[in-house]
PDB file of N, CA and C in Angstrom:
ATOM      1  N   MET A   1      73.728 110.986 133.387  1.00  0.00           N
ATOM      2  CA  MET A   1      75.091 110.910 133.849  1.00  0.00           C
ATOM      3  C   MET A   1      76.035 111.329 132.742  1.00  0.00           C
ATOM      4  N   ILE A   2      76.991 112.160 133.040  1.00  0.00           N
ATOM      5  CA  ILE A   2      77.975 112.615 132.066  1.00  0.00           C
ATOM      6  C   ILE A   2      79.173 111.686 132.108  1.00  0.00           C
ATOM      7  N   ARG A   3      79.545 111.140 130.950  1.00  0.00           N
ATOM      8  CA  ARG A   3      80.702 110.263 130.875  1.00  0.00           C
ATOM      9  C   ARG A   3      81.957 111.105 130.718  1.00  0.00           C
ATOM     10  N   SER A   4      82.996 110.758 131.445  1.00  0.00           N
ATOM     11  CA  SER A   4      84.250 111.505 131.319  1.00  0.00           C
ATOM     12  C   SER A   4      85.023 111.002 130.120  1.00  0.00           C
ATOM     13  N   ALA A   5      86.007 111.783 129.682  1.00  0.00           N
ATOM     14  CA  ALA A   5      86.823 111.416 128.526  1.00  0.00           C
ATOM     15  C   ALA A   5      87.603 110.139 128.801  1.00  0.00           C
ATOM     16  N   ILE A   6      87.981 109.917 130.028  1.00  0.00           N
ATOM     17  CA  ILE A   6      88.762 108.732 130.353  1.00  0.00           C
ATOM     18  C   ILE A   6      87.926 107.458 130.236  1.00  0.00           C
ATOM     19  N   GLU A   7      86.614 107.568 130.229  1.00  0.00           N
ATOM     20  CA  GLU A   7      85.738 106.411 130.117  1.00  0.00           C
ATOM     21  C   GLU A   7      85.416 106.061 128.673  1.00  0.00           C
ATOM     22  N   GLY A   8      86.040 106.706 127.717  1.00  0.00           N
ATOM     23  CA  GLY A   8      85.863 106.303 126.334  1.00  0.00           C
ATOM     24  C   GLY A   8      84.898 107.146 125.536  1.00  0.00           C
ATOM     25  N   SER A   9      84.481 108.282 126.035  1.00  0.00           N
ATOM     26  CA  SER A   9      83.543 109.099 125.297  1.00  0.00           C
ATOM     27  C   SER A   9      84.239 109.971 124.249  1.00  0.00           C
ATOM     28  N   VAL A  10      85.552 109.921 124.201  1.00  0.00           N
ATOM     29  CA  VAL A  10      86.322 110.753 123.291  1.00  0.00           C
ATOM     30  C   VAL A  10      87.004 109.878 122.253  1.00  0.00           C
ATOM     31  N   ASP A  11      86.902 110.261 120.990  1.00  0.00           N
ATOM     32  CA  ASP A  11      87.566 109.522 119.927  1.00  0.00           C
ATOM     33  C   ASP A  11      89.015 109.960 119.799  1.00  0.00           C
ATOM     34  N   ILE A  12      89.867 108.993 119.538  1.00  0.00           N
ATOM     35  CA  ILE A  12      91.294 109.218 119.338  1.00  0.00           C
ATOM     36  C   ILE A  12      91.633 108.613 117.989  1.00  0.00           C
ATOM     37  N   LEU A  13      92.371 109.349 117.158  1.00  0.00           N
ATOM     38  CA  LEU A  13      92.761 108.846 115.847  1.00  0.00           C
ATOM     39  C   LEU A  13      94.163 108.267 115.928  1.00  0.00           C
ATOM     40  N   ALA A  14      94.320 107.075 115.350  1.00  0.00           N
ATOM     41  CA  ALA A  14      95.619 106.418 115.317  1.00  0.00           C
ATOM     42  C   ALA A  14      95.790 105.785 113.948  1.00  0.00           C
ATOM     43  N   GLY A  15      97.036 105.569 113.565  1.00  0.00           N
ATOM     44  CA  GLY A  15      97.323 104.967 112.277  1.00  0.00           C
ATOM     45  C   GLY A  15      98.290 103.807 112.412  1.00  0.00           C
ATOM     46  N   ASP A  16      98.123 102.830 111.527  1.00  0.00           N
ATOM     47  CA  ASP A  16      99.026 101.682 111.515  1.00  0.00           C
ATOM     48  C   ASP A  16      99.978 101.726 110.327  1.00  0.00           C
ATOM     49  N   GLY A  17     100.087 102.876 109.687  1.00  0.00           N
ATOM     50  CA  GLY A  17     100.936 103.019 108.508  1.00  0.00           C
ATOM     51  C   GLY A  17     100.157 102.914 107.209  1.00  0.00           C
ATOM     52  N   VAL A  18      98.964 102.328 107.262  1.00  0.00           N
ATOM     53  CA  VAL A  18      98.137 102.159 106.074  1.00  0.00           C
ATOM     54  C   VAL A  18      96.766 102.788 106.268  1.00  0.00           C
ATOM     55  N   THR A  19      96.156 102.552 107.409  1.00  0.00           N
ATOM     56  CA  THR A  19      94.775 102.952 107.671  1.00  0.00           C
ATOM     57  C   THR A  19      94.681 103.797 108.927  1.00  0.00           C
ATOM     58  N   LEU A  20      93.758 104.757 108.909  1.00  0.00           N
ATOM     59  CA  LEU A  20      93.429 105.509 110.113  1.00  0.00           C
ATOM     60  C   LEU A  20      92.358 104.745 110.889  1.00  0.00           C
ATOM     61  N   HIS A  21      92.494 104.739 112.211  1.00  0.00           N
ATOM     62  CA  HIS A  21      91.546 104.044 113.068  1.00  0.00           C
ATOM     63  C   HIS A  21      91.017 105.004 114.118  1.00  0.00           C
ATOM     64  N   ARG A  22      89.743 104.883 114.424  1.00  0.00           N
ATOM     65  CA  ARG A  22      89.119 105.657 115.496  1.00  0.00           C
ATOM     66  C   ARG A  22      89.076 104.752 116.717  1.00  0.00           C
ATOM     67  N   LEU A  23      89.753 105.172 117.778  1.00  0.00           N
ATOM     68  CA  LEU A  23      89.866 104.363 118.983  1.00  0.00           C
ATOM     69  C   LEU A  23      89.240 105.086 120.164  1.00  0.00           C
ATOM     70  N   HIS A  24      88.946 104.338 121.214  1.00  0.00           N
ATOM     71  CA  HIS A  24      88.392 104.889 122.452  1.00  0.00           C
ATOM     72  C   HIS A  24      89.325 104.557 123.596  1.00  0.00           C
ATOM     73  N   LEU A  25      89.453 105.474 124.529  1.00  0.00           N
ATOM     74  CA  LEU A  25      90.280 105.280 125.706  1.00  0.00           C
ATOM     75  C   LEU A  25      89.428 104.680 126.812  1.00  0.00           C
ATOM     76  N   ARG A  26      89.895 103.588 127.401  1.00  0.00           N
ATOM     77  CA  ARG A  26      89.186 102.913 128.489  1.00  0.00           C
ATOM     78  C   ARG A  26      90.152 102.609 129.617  1.00  0.00           C
ATOM     79  N   MET A  27      89.615 102.547 130.814  1.00  0.00           N
ATOM     80  CA  MET A  27      90.417 102.138 131.969  1.00  0.00           C
ATOM     81  C   MET A  27      90.177 100.657 132.217  1.00  0.00           C
ATOM     82  N   THR A  28      91.237  99.872 132.242  1.00  0.00           N
ATOM     83  CA  THR A  28      91.154  98.460 132.607  1.00  0.00           C
ATOM     84  C   THR A  28      92.117  98.268 133.756  1.00  0.00           C
ATOM     85  N   GLY A  29      91.590  98.088 134.926  1.00  0.00           N
ATOM     86  CA  GLY A  29      92.448  98.025 136.108  1.00  0.00           C
ATOM     87  C   GLY A  29      93.020  99.401 136.375  1.00  0.00           C
ATOM     88  N   ALA A  30      94.327  99.495 136.482  1.00  0.00           N
ATOM     89  CA  ALA A  30      94.977 100.774 136.755  1.00  0.00           C
ATOM     90  C   ALA A  30      95.495 101.447 135.495  1.00  0.00           C
ATOM     91  N   ALA A  31      95.608 100.693 134.408  1.00  0.00           N
ATOM     92  CA  ALA A  31      96.216 101.242 133.198  1.00  0.00           C
ATOM     93  C   ALA A  31      95.173 101.607 132.144  1.00  0.00           C
ATOM     94  N   PRO A  32      95.310 102.784 131.544  1.00  0.00           N
ATOM     95  CA  PRO A  32      94.429 103.138 130.430  1.00  0.00           C
ATOM     96  C   PRO A  32      94.851 102.375 129.171  1.00  0.00           C
ATOM     97  N   VAL A  33      93.878 101.944 128.385  1.00  0.00           N
ATOM     98  CA  VAL A  33      94.157 101.246 127.129  1.00  0.00           C
ATOM     99  C   VAL A  33      93.271 101.817 126.032  1.00  0.00           C
ATOM    100  N   LEU A  34      93.709 101.628 124.794  1.00  0.00           N
ATOM    101  CA  LEU A  34      92.913 102.027 123.643  1.00  0.00           C
ATOM    102  C   LEU A  34      92.181 100.799 123.114  1.00  0.00           C
ATOM    103  N   ILE A  35      90.911 101.011 122.758  1.00  0.00           N
ATOM    104  CA  ILE A  35      90.033  99.953 122.271  1.00  0.00           C
ATOM    105  C   ILE A  35      89.529 100.358 120.891  1.00  0.00           C
ATOM    106  N   ASP A  36      89.521  99.413 119.933  1.00  0.00           N
ATOM    107  CA  ASP A  36      88.966  99.733 118.621  1.00  0.00           C
ATOM    108  C   ASP A  36      87.452  99.502 118.624  1.00  0.00           C
ATOM    109  N   MET A  37      86.814  99.702 117.487  1.00  0.00           N
ATOM    110  CA  MET A  37      85.351  99.615 117.399  1.00  0.00           C
ATOM    111  C   MET A  37      84.810  98.204 117.663  1.00  0.00           C
ATOM    112  N   THR A  38      85.653  97.189 117.472  1.00  0.00           N
ATOM    113  CA  THR A  38      85.198  95.814 117.708  1.00  0.00           C
ATOM    114  C   THR A  38      85.439  95.373 119.143  1.00  0.00           C
ATOM    115  N   GLY A  39      86.096  96.215 119.958  1.00  0.00           N
ATOM    116  CA  GLY A  39      86.375  95.875 121.350  1.00  0.00           C
ATOM    117  C   GLY A  39      87.754  95.303 121.579  1.00  0.00           C
ATOM    118  N   LYS A  40      88.564  95.235 120.512  1.00  0.00           N
ATOM    119  CA  LYS A  40      89.924  94.701 120.628  1.00  0.00           C
ATOM    120  C   LYS A  40      90.828  95.737 121.287  1.00  0.00           C
ATOM    121  N   THR A  41      91.628  95.289 122.246  1.00  0.00           N
ATOM    122  CA  THR A  41      92.589  96.166 122.899  1.00  0.00           C
ATOM    123  C   THR A  41      93.788  96.363 121.972  1.00  0.00           C
ATOM    124  N   ILE A  42      94.202  97.611 121.819  1.00  0.00           N
ATOM    125  CA  ILE A  42      95.327  97.954 120.960  1.00  0.00           C
ATOM    126  C   ILE A  42      96.553  98.195 121.838  1.00  0.00           C
ATOM    127  N   ALA A  43      97.630  97.493 121.563  1.00  0.00           N
ATOM    128  CA  ALA A  43      98.880  97.680 122.301  1.00  0.00           C
ATOM    129  C   ALA A  43      99.565  98.956 121.816  1.00  0.00           C
ATOM    130  N   PRO A  44     100.354  99.609 122.680  1.00  0.00           N
ATOM    131  CA  PRO A  44     101.004 100.868 122.287  1.00  0.00           C
ATOM    132  C   PRO A  44     101.903 100.755 121.057  1.00  0.00           C
ATOM    133  N   TRP A  45     102.506  99.602 120.809  1.00  0.00           N
ATOM    134  CA  TRP A  45     103.426  99.456 119.682  1.00  0.00           C
ATOM    135  C   TRP A  45     102.709  99.102 118.375  1.00  0.00           C
ATOM    136  N   GLU A  46     101.406  98.844 118.415  1.00  0.00           N
ATOM    137  CA  GLU A  46     100.672  98.462 117.217  1.00  0.00           C
ATOM    138  C   GLU A  46     100.306  99.641 116.328  1.00  0.00           C
ATOM    139  N   MET A  47     100.062 100.809 116.930  1.00  0.00           N
ATOM    140  CA  MET A  47      99.634 101.977 116.158  1.00  0.00           C
ATOM    141  C   MET A  47     100.264 103.232 116.717  1.00  0.00           C
ATOM    142  N   GLU A  48     100.355 104.225 115.852  1.00  0.00           N
ATOM    143  CA  GLU A  48     100.840 105.538 116.266  1.00  0.00           C
ATOM    144  C   GLU A  48      99.631 106.447 116.498  1.00  0.00           C
ATOM    145  N   VAL A  49      99.545 107.000 117.689  1.00  0.00           N
ATOM    146  CA  VAL A  49      98.447 107.911 118.009  1.00  0.00           C
ATOM    147  C   VAL A  49      98.723 109.232 117.294  1.00  0.00           C
ATOM    148  N   LEU A  50      97.763 109.678 116.483  1.00  0.00           N
ATOM    149  CA  LEU A  50      97.954 110.863 115.649  1.00  0.00           C
ATOM    150  C   LEU A  50      97.226 112.096 116.171  1.00  0.00           C
ATOM    151  N   ARG A  51      96.038 111.911 116.723  1.00  0.00           N
ATOM    152  CA  ARG A  51      95.251 113.043 117.212  1.00  0.00           C
ATOM    153  C   ARG A  51      94.470 112.614 118.441  1.00  0.00           C
ATOM    154  N   TRP A  52      94.531 113.458 119.467  1.00  0.00           N
ATOM    155  CA  TRP A  52      93.848 113.159 120.715  1.00  0.00           C
ATOM    156  C   TRP A  52      93.460 114.463 121.380  1.00  0.00           C
ATOM    157  N   PRO A  53      92.430 114.450 122.210  1.00  0.00           N
ATOM    158  CA  PRO A  53      92.051 115.646 122.963  1.00  0.00           C
ATOM    159  C   PRO A  53      93.088 115.902 124.060  1.00  0.00           C
ATOM    160  N   PRO A  54      93.386 117.158 124.348  1.00  0.00           N
ATOM    161  CA  PRO A  54      94.413 117.474 125.352  1.00  0.00           C
ATOM    162  C   PRO A  54      94.113 116.902 126.734  1.00  0.00           C
ATOM    163  N   GLU A  55      92.845 116.771 127.090  1.00  0.00           N
ATOM    164  CA  GLU A  55      92.519 116.299 128.440  1.00  0.00           C
ATOM    165  C   GLU A  55      92.842 114.824 128.666  1.00  0.00           C
ATOM    166  N   VAL A  56      93.045 114.033 127.614  1.00  0.00           N
ATOM    167  CA  VAL A  56      93.379 112.617 127.788  1.00  0.00           C
ATOM    168  C   VAL A  56      94.871 112.337 127.614  1.00  0.00           C
ATOM    169  N   GLU A  57      95.661 113.371 127.364  1.00  0.00           N
ATOM    170  CA  GLU A  57      97.097 113.175 127.149  1.00  0.00           C
ATOM    171  C   GLU A  57      97.794 112.504 128.337  1.00  0.00           C
ATOM    172  N   PRO A  58      97.522 112.905 129.593  1.00  0.00           N
ATOM    173  CA  PRO A  58      98.186 112.204 130.710  1.00  0.00           C
ATOM    174  C   PRO A  58      97.865 110.707 130.754  1.00  0.00           C
ATOM    175  N   ALA A  59      96.635 110.340 130.457  1.00  0.00           N
ATOM    176  CA  ALA A  59      96.260 108.925 130.458  1.00  0.00           C
ATOM    177  C   ALA A  59      96.956 108.174 129.326  1.00  0.00           C
ATOM    178  N   LEU A  60      97.069 108.798 128.154  1.00  0.00           N
ATOM    179  CA  LEU A  60      97.775 108.160 127.041  1.00  0.00           C
ATOM    180  C   LEU A  60      99.248 107.953 127.377  1.00  0.00           C
ATOM    181  N   ARG A  61      99.850 108.905 128.072  1.00  0.00           N
ATOM    182  CA  ARG A  61     101.250 108.750 128.486  1.00  0.00           C
ATOM    183  C   ARG A  61     101.391 107.612 129.493  1.00  0.00           C
ATOM    184  N   ARG A  62     100.484 107.530 130.478  1.00  0.00           N
ATOM    185  CA  ARG A  62     100.528 106.446 131.469  1.00  0.00           C
ATOM    186  C   ARG A  62     100.377 105.083 130.809  1.00  0.00           C
ATOM    187  N   GLY A  63      99.563 104.995 129.785  1.00  0.00           N
ATOM    188  CA  GLY A  63      99.342 103.742 129.084  1.00  0.00           C
ATOM    189  C   GLY A  63     100.447 103.376 128.118  1.00  0.00           C
ATOM    190  N   GLY A  64     101.409 104.298 127.884  1.00  0.00           N
ATOM    191  CA  GLY A  64     102.516 104.018 126.981  1.00  0.00           C
ATOM    192  C   GLY A  64     102.233 104.348 125.533  1.00  0.00           C
ATOM    193  N   TYR A  65     101.110 105.017 125.258  1.00  0.00           N
ATOM    194  CA  TYR A  65     100.759 105.340 123.875  1.00  0.00           C
ATOM    195  C   TYR A  65     101.457 106.592 123.359  1.00  0.00           C
ATOM    196  N   LEU A  66     101.886 107.459 124.251  1.00  0.00           N
ATOM    197  CA  LEU A  66     102.628 108.662 123.863  1.00  0.00           C
ATOM    198  C   LEU A  66     103.982 108.622 124.552  1.00  0.00           C
ATOM    199  N   ARG A  67     104.999 108.912 123.785  1.00  0.00           N
ATOM    200  CA  ARG A  67     106.341 108.957 124.346  1.00  0.00           C
ATOM    201  C   ARG A  67     106.586 110.331 124.947  1.00  0.00           C
ATOM    202  N   PRO A  68     107.494 110.407 125.915  1.00  0.00           N
ATOM    203  CA  PRO A  68     107.837 111.729 126.454  1.00  0.00           C
ATOM    204  C   PRO A  68     108.448 112.590 125.360  1.00  0.00           C
ATOM    205  N   PRO A  69     108.278 113.901 125.440  1.00  0.00           N
ATOM    206  CA  PRO A  69     108.857 114.769 124.416  1.00  0.00           C
ATOM    207  C   PRO A  69     110.375 114.607 124.378  1.00  0.00           C
ATOM    208  N   GLN A  70     110.911 114.537 123.169  1.00  0.00           N
ATOM    209  CA  GLN A  70     112.350 114.397 122.988  1.00  0.00           C
ATOM    210  C   GLN A  70     113.005 115.775 122.999  1.00  0.00           C
ATOM    211  N   PRO A  71     114.117 115.904 123.708  1.00  0.00           N
ATOM    212  CA  PRO A  71     114.803 117.199 123.693  1.00  0.00           C
ATOM    213  C   PRO A  71     115.363 117.484 122.303  1.00  0.00           C
ATOM    214  N   GLU A  72     115.412 118.740 121.976  1.00  0.00           N
ATOM    215  CA  GLU A  72     115.946 119.133 120.678  1.00  0.00           C
ATOM    216  C   GLU A  72     117.455 118.914 120.694  1.00  0.00           C
ATOM    217  N   LEU A  73     117.942 118.146 119.734  1.00  0.00           N
ATOM    218  CA  LEU A  73     119.354 117.797 119.714  1.00  0.00           C
ATOM    219  C   LEU A  73     120.183 118.723 118.834  1.00  0.00           C
ATOM    220  N   ASP A  74     119.523 119.537 118.036  1.00  0.00           N
ATOM    221  CA  ASP A  74     120.258 120.473 117.187  1.00  0.00           C
ATOM    222  C   ASP A  74     120.758 121.634 118.035  1.00  0.00           C
ATOM    223  N   LEU A  75     122.041 121.810 118.021  1.00  0.00           N
ATOM    224  CA  LEU A  75     122.624 122.927 118.751  1.00  0.00           C
ATOM    225  C   LEU A  75     122.702 124.128 117.825  1.00  0.00           C
ATOM    226  N   TRP A  76     122.374 125.256 118.359  1.00  0.00           N
ATOM    227  CA  TRP A  76     122.554 126.462 117.570  1.00  0.00           C
ATOM    228  C   TRP A  76     123.115 127.538 118.410  1.00  0.00           C
ATOM    229  N   CYS A  77     123.785 128.401 117.744  1.00  0.00           N
ATOM    230  CA  CYS A  77     124.442 129.491 118.441  1.00  0.00           C
ATOM    231  C   CYS A  77     124.006 130.794 117.781  1.00  0.00           C
ATOM    232  N   ASN A  78     123.736 131.775 118.597  1.00  0.00           N
ATOM    233  CA  ASN A  78     123.340 133.078 118.092  1.00  0.00           C
ATOM    234  C   ASN A  78     124.511 134.056 118.242  1.00  0.00           C
ATOM    235  N   CYS A  79     125.683 133.618 117.823  1.00  0.00           N
ATOM    236  CA  CYS A  79     126.859 134.463 117.962  1.00  0.00           C
ATOM    237  C   CYS A  79     127.386 134.819 116.570  1.00  0.00           C
ATOM    238  N   ALA A  80     128.006 135.962 116.517  1.00  0.00           N
ATOM    239  CA  ALA A  80     128.577 136.418 115.248  1.00  0.00           C
ATOM    240  C   ALA A  80     129.893 135.688 115.003  1.00  0.00           C
ATOM    241  N   ASP A  81     130.022 135.168 113.798  1.00  0.00           N
ATOM    242  CA  ASP A  81     131.275 134.466 113.445  1.00  0.00           C
ATOM    243  C   ASP A  81     132.245 135.414 112.817  1.00  0.00           C
TER     244      ASP A  81
END
């Protein structure tokens, strides 16, 4: 049987400001959550997700681990002054 990425077969790197952690994505009920190597569930505000496979990005967004992209606030003009 082939395990899908959403079932935790893909490693995700996250950091807590001091240490890098290798986490797994798991489905618990309807919401995807990140689990560390000891089985502890990681809340979205505990760590910053640094690297993830593109195929799990929608699940990470649903779980609150990735924020929506922020619009660029710098205005620029391509006009001659």
